[in-house]
Protein backbone atom coordinates (compact mmCIF):
# COMPACT_ATOMS: atom_id res chain seq x y z
CA MET A 1 -0.26 -0.16 0.30
CA ILE A 2 2.74 2.55 0.77
CA THR A 3 4.41 1.64 -2.46
CA PHE A 4 1.45 2.62 -4.54
CA ILE A 5 0.90 6.13 -2.15
CA ARG A 6 4.75 7.13 -3.34
CA THR A 7 3.94 6.16 -6.73
CA HIS A 8 0.80 7.85 -7.38
CA PRO A 9 0.80 10.54 -4.56
CA ALA A 10 -1.10 12.92 -7.45
CA ARG A 11 -3.51 10.76 -8.33
CA ILE A 12 -4.81 10.13 -4.56
CA TYR A 13 -4.36 13.82 -4.23
CA ALA A 14 -7.08 14.35 -7.00
CA VAL A 15 -9.35 11.79 -5.90
CA ALA A 16 -9.30 12.99 -2.14
CA VAL A 17 -9.69 17.20 -3.83
CA ALA A 18 -12.65 15.79 -5.23
CA ALA A 19 -14.22 13.75 -3.10
CA LEU A 20 -13.52 16.86 -0.66
CA ALA A 21 -15.63 19.00 -3.21
CA LEU A 22 -18.90 16.80 -3.64
CA VAL A 23 -18.78 16.73 -0.01
CA ALA A 24 -18.59 20.51 0.13
CA HIS A 25 -21.40 20.98 -2.18
CA TYR A 26 -24.02 18.31 -1.16
CA VAL A 27 -23.56 19.10 2.84
CA PRO A 28 -24.55 22.63 2.81
CA GLU A 29 -24.93 22.49 6.15
CA LEU A 30 -21.05 22.28 6.77
CA PRO A 31 -19.67 25.63 8.35
CA SER A 32 -17.56 27.66 6.26
CA ALA A 33 -15.08 27.69 9.00
CA LEU A 34 -14.88 23.71 8.43
CA VAL A 35 -14.85 24.57 4.77
CA LEU A 36 -12.05 27.00 4.75
CA GLY A 37 -9.83 25.31 6.85
CA LEU A 38 -10.17 21.75 4.73
CA VAL A 39 -9.45 24.42 1.76
CA ALA A 40 -6.28 25.28 3.66
CA ALA A 41 -5.25 21.78 4.27
CA VAL A 42 -5.63 20.91 0.87
CA LEU A 43 -3.14 23.60 -0.56
CA GLY A 44 -0.64 22.64 1.92
CA THR A 45 -0.99 18.79 0.85
CA GLY A 46 -0.92 20.11 -2.88
CA GLU A 47 2.15 21.78 -2.10
CA ALA A 48 3.35 18.44 -0.45
CA VAL A 49 2.38 16.04 -3.48
CA GLN A 50 4.23 18.82 -5.96
CA ARG A 51 7.38 18.25 -3.80
CA ALA A 52 7.06 13.73 -4.30
CA GLU A 53 6.51 14.83 -8.32
CA ASP A 54 8.88 16.61 -8.35
CA ARG A 55 11.58 14.28 -6.82
CA LYS A 56 10.36 11.56 -8.62
CA THR A 57 11.12 13.75 -11.36
CA ALA A 58 14.15 14.95 -10.70
CA SER A 59 15.50 11.10 -9.83
CA THR A 60 14.51 9.89 -13.41
CA THR A 61 16.24 12.32 -15.25
CA ALA A 62 19.74 11.75 -12.98
CA ALA A 63 19.04 8.46 -13.68
CA GLY A 64 19.47 8.48 -17.37
CA GLU A 65 16.39 7.99 -18.20
CA PRO A 66 15.17 9.64 -21.43
CA ARG A 67 12.93 12.36 -21.10
CA GLU A 68 9.66 11.97 -22.71
CA ASP A 69 10.36 14.41 -25.47
CA GLU A 70 13.16 12.68 -26.69
CA HIS A 71 10.98 10.08 -27.95
CA GLN A 72 8.47 12.05 -30.20
CA GLY A 73 7.69 10.95 -33.29
CA GLN A 74 9.53 7.52 -32.74
CA ALA A 75 6.56 5.42 -32.38
CA ASP A 76 5.52 5.54 -36.36
CA GLY A 77 9.18 4.82 -36.88
CA GLY A 78 10.61 8.25 -36.28
CA LEU A 79 8.39 9.61 -39.57
CA ALA A 80 7.06 12.98 -38.12
């Protein structure tokens, strides 16, 4: 489970944010302070997820794996 979380933090974050948005929309009785607190927490979590994704990208680039844009046009034999 922890491997899945470390591999896909942005996907998990997106699902959690979407669920929170649905709850905030369909439960109008929620106090505004609670919703605003959740929004602040979601923004902080988003920053952590972005840093995790940046670390993954940096480690992949440092490992010498080719970048995605280096392979454009190669799926069809290199003909563009």
